[in-house]
Protein backbone atom coordinates (compact mmCIF):
# COMPACT_ATOMS: atom_id res chain seq x y z
CA GLY A 1 8.40 -1.26 -14.22
CA PRO A 2 6.78 0.40 -11.33
CA LEU A 3 3.27 0.00 -13.43
CA ASP A 4 3.64 -3.68 -14.17
CA ALA A 5 3.98 -3.81 -11.13
CA LEU A 6 0.51 -2.69 -9.85
CA LEU A 7 -1.00 -4.39 -12.63
CA ARG A 8 0.54 -7.44 -10.93
CA SER A 9 -1.02 -6.83 -7.75
CA THR A 10 -4.29 -6.16 -9.36
CA VAL A 11 -5.39 -9.21 -11.31
CA LEU A 12 -3.39 -11.13 -8.24
CA SER A 13 -5.58 -9.75 -6.16
CA ALA A 14 -8.30 -9.56 -8.11
CA LEU A 15 -8.51 -13.16 -9.07
CA GLY A 16 -7.80 -13.70 -5.34
CA ASP A 17 -10.80 -12.43 -4.44
CA TYR A 18 -13.28 -14.12 -7.42
CA GLY A 19 -12.03 -17.23 -6.02
CA ASP A 20 -9.72 -17.90 -8.62
CA ASP A 21 -8.21 -22.01 -7.18
CA ASP A 22 -5.00 -20.81 -8.88
CA ALA A 23 -4.41 -17.99 -7.44
CA MET A 24 -5.31 -19.01 -4.29
CA ALA A 25 -3.04 -22.13 -4.56
CA GLU A 26 -0.20 -20.24 -5.21
CA ALA A 27 -0.54 -17.71 -2.39
CA LYS A 28 -0.93 -20.73 0.20
CA ALA A 29 2.92 -21.97 -1.36
CA ARG A 30 4.24 -18.87 -1.53
CA PHE A 31 3.52 -17.87 1.53
CA ALA A 32 4.97 -21.02 3.02
CA ALA A 33 8.06 -20.15 0.82
CA TYR A 34 8.33 -16.83 2.94
CA VAL A 35 7.47 -18.09 6.29
CA ASP A 36 10.78 -20.14 5.32
CA ASP A 37 12.93 -17.54 3.45
CA ALA A 38 11.22 -13.81 3.25
CA GLY A 39 13.87 -13.01 0.63
CA SER A 40 11.74 -15.29 -1.69
CA VAL A 41 8.14 -13.63 -2.03
CA HIS A 42 9.21 -10.10 -3.97
CA PRO A 43 7.64 -6.18 -1.90
CA ASP A 44 5.59 -6.04 -5.10
CA ILE A 45 3.40 -8.98 -4.60
CA ARG A 46 3.84 -9.81 -0.47
CA SER A 47 0.54 -8.24 0.10
CA VAL A 48 -1.67 -9.83 -2.28
CA VAL A 49 0.53 -13.36 -1.23
CA PHE A 50 -0.33 -12.29 2.36
CA ASN A 51 -4.06 -11.55 2.14
CA LEU A 52 -5.25 -14.33 -0.17
CA ALA A 53 -3.06 -16.96 2.26
CA ALA A 54 -5.66 -15.31 4.89
CA MET A 55 -8.58 -15.73 2.83
CA ARG A 56 -8.67 -19.50 2.79
CA GLY A 57 -6.56 -19.12 6.29
CA ASP A 58 -6.60 -21.79 8.79
CA ARG A 59 -5.73 -21.28 12.88
CA ALA A 60 -2.00 -21.81 12.36
CA THR A 61 -2.04 -19.79 9.11
CA TYR A 62 -3.67 -17.34 11.50
CA ASP A 63 -1.14 -17.18 14.60
CA THR A 64 1.72 -17.61 11.67
CA ILE A 65 0.79 -13.94 10.11
CA TRP A 66 0.77 -12.68 14.09
CA THR A 67 4.08 -14.20 14.87
CA LEU A 68 5.83 -12.57 11.81
CA GLN A 69 3.79 -9.25 12.27
CA LYS A 70 5.38 -9.25 15.83
CA SER A 71 8.95 -9.79 15.10
CA SER A 72 9.35 -8.15 11.79
CA LYS A 73 11.64 -5.17 12.26
CA LEU A 74 9.97 -3.28 8.70
CA ASP A 75 6.75 -1.23 9.39
CA GLU A 76 5.43 -1.51 6.28
CA GLU A 77 6.26 -4.78 6.60
CA LYS A 78 3.81 -5.33 9.90
CA VAL A 79 1.52 -3.27 8.35
CA ARG A 80 0.76 -5.90 5.91
CA LEU A 81 0.46 -8.41 7.51
CA LEU A 82 -2.02 -6.79 9.79
CA LYS A 83 -3.52 -6.00 7.17
CA SER A 84 -3.99 -9.56 5.98
CA LEU A 85 -5.37 -10.52 9.05
CA THR A 86 -8.62 -8.23 8.67
CA ARG A 87 -9.16 -10.80 5.50
CA PHE A 88 -10.05 -14.12 6.92
CA GLU A 89 -13.51 -15.59 6.12
CA ARG A 90 -13.30 -17.71 9.14
CA PRO A 91 -15.79 -15.70 11.97
CA GLU A 92 -13.62 -16.31 15.24
CA LEU A 93 -10.51 -15.33 13.37
CA LEU A 94 -11.84 -11.96 12.30
CA ASP A 95 -13.36 -11.86 15.81
CA GLU A 96 -10.20 -12.27 17.11
CA THR A 97 -8.84 -9.61 15.59
CA LEU A 98 -11.40 -7.68 16.90
CA GLU A 99 -10.46 -7.58 20.19
CA ARG A 100 -6.70 -7.68 19.53
CA SER A 101 -6.60 -4.55 17.84
CA LEU A 102 -7.54 -3.30 20.72
CA SER A 103 -5.25 -4.68 22.84
CA GLU A 104 -0.85 -4.48 22.96
CA ASP A 105 -0.55 -6.66 19.83
CA VAL A 106 -2.12 -3.80 17.56
CA ARG A 107 -0.19 0.16 18.27
CA VAL A 108 -2.85 2.85 19.05
CA HIS A 109 -2.55 4.17 15.50
CA GLU A 110 -3.23 1.16 13.68
CA THR A 111 -6.10 0.40 15.23
CA ILE A 112 -8.58 2.08 13.36
CA ARG A 113 -6.98 0.46 9.84
CA VAL A 114 -7.91 -3.20 11.60
CA VAL A 115 -10.97 -2.07 12.86
CA VAL A 116 -12.28 -0.81 9.01
CA GLY A 117 -10.39 -3.80 7.09
CA VAL A 118 -12.13 -6.23 9.25
CA ALA A 119 -15.33 -3.81 8.16
CA SER A 120 -14.26 -4.36 4.56
CA ASN A 121 -14.39 -7.82 4.21
CA ARG A 122 -18.31 -9.11 3.94
CA HIS A 123 -17.45 -11.64 6.59
CA GLY A 124 -16.70 -9.18 8.40
CA ARG A 125 -19.09 -6.14 8.41
CA ASP A 126 -21.17 -6.71 10.79
CA ARG A 127 -19.11 -8.28 13.35
CA ALA A 128 -16.82 -4.96 13.31
CA TRP A 129 -19.95 -2.52 13.54
CA GLU A 130 -20.92 -4.59 16.69
CA PHE A 131 -17.53 -5.01 17.84
CA VAL A 132 -17.25 -0.96 17.30
CA LYS A 133 -20.28 -0.46 19.57
CA ALA A 134 -19.44 -2.56 22.35
CA ASN A 135 -16.41 -1.16 23.14
CA TRP A 136 -17.80 2.58 22.09
CA THR A 137 -16.43 4.06 24.59
CA GLU A 138 -12.64 2.90 24.53
CA PHE A 139 -12.96 4.07 20.39
CA ASP A 140 -14.37 7.78 21.52
CA ARG A 141 -11.84 8.07 24.69
CA ARG A 142 -8.51 7.09 22.11
CA TYR A 143 -9.98 9.22 19.27
CA GLY A 144 -12.73 10.95 19.88
CA GLU A 145 -10.95 14.87 20.29
CA GLY A 146 -11.50 14.34 16.83
CA GLY A 147 -9.21 13.87 13.56
CA PHE A 148 -9.37 11.64 10.83
CA ALA A 149 -8.91 7.87 12.90
CA LEU A 150 -12.46 8.70 14.29
CA MET A 151 -13.86 9.40 10.98
CA ASN A 152 -12.28 6.73 9.06
CA LEU A 153 -13.82 4.52 12.23
CA VAL A 154 -17.02 5.91 11.37
CA SER A 155 -17.36 5.57 7.69
CA MET A 156 -17.03 2.32 8.20
CA THR A 157 -20.93 2.22 7.81
CA SER A 158 -21.25 3.24 4.50
CA ARG A 159 -21.03 -0.23 3.41
CA PHE A 160 -24.66 -1.12 5.38
CA THR A 161 -27.20 -1.56 2.59
CA THR A 162 -30.52 -2.03 4.34
CA ASN A 163 -33.44 0.02 6.08
CA ASP A 164 -32.61 -2.10 9.55
CA ARG A 165 -28.62 -0.98 9.24
CA LEU A 166 -29.61 2.47 8.62
CA GLU A 167 -32.28 2.44 11.44
CA ASP A 168 -29.01 1.09 13.60
CA VAL A 169 -26.35 3.95 12.84
CA GLU A 170 -28.61 6.86 13.45
CA ARG A 171 -29.70 4.92 16.17
CA PHE A 172 -26.35 4.54 17.47
CA PHE A 173 -24.71 8.13 17.36
CA SER A 174 -27.80 9.45 17.78
CA ASP A 175 -27.25 7.81 21.74
CA HIS A 176 -22.89 8.77 21.20
CA PRO A 177 -23.03 12.34 19.39
CA THR A 178 -19.96 12.73 17.76
CA PRO A 179 -19.06 16.14 16.72
CA ALA A 180 -15.86 15.05 15.56
CA ALA A 181 -17.00 12.96 12.67
CA ASN A 182 -20.59 15.13 12.34
CA ARG A 183 -19.32 15.34 8.51
CA THR A 184 -18.94 11.98 8.03
CA ILE A 185 -22.09 10.67 10.10
C-alpha cells in the first residue's frame, strides 16, 4: 500500500544518507538496470535509486543522469533525475550542476529547485551560496518581482551555522535589498 511504499523509500533513503554500503551498492545496481530498462525500477523507489547512485557517483553517472533527464518524456521523471544531480559529493560536479541551472539545460521554473537542492547537500552548501551571490543579478532579473521562488532561494541561508556566514548573509542582503523576500531574510 501507499504507506508501505513511503516507509520503504524513507528507510532506503536513510540507509543511503548514513552511508550503508549495501544500500549504496544496491542503488548503483538498480540504477544500471534502470539505464538498460526504465521499467526495471518501480516508480516508488526511483528517486531513492537516483539519489543514492548520484551520491557516490562519478562523471559517467553524472553524464548519464543528464542524458536521461533530457530524454525523459515524463515531467515527474525529469524532476526526479534533476533532483538527483544535486546529491553528488564531488565538488566539480556540483559546480557544473549550479552552472547548468542557469542554462537551457534546466527549465527556468526548476532553477531554484536545483540551486536549493545543492545548498541542501552538505558538500554543496557553501558552493551554492557563493554561486547565488556571484549570479545575483540573473536571479533578481528572473525572480525578483516576487513570488515563492525568490523566498525559497533566500531560505537556503537558514542552513548556515557560523557567525561569519550570518554576517555574510546580512551584508549581502543589505547591499542587495530584496523586498520580495524580506520576511524570509
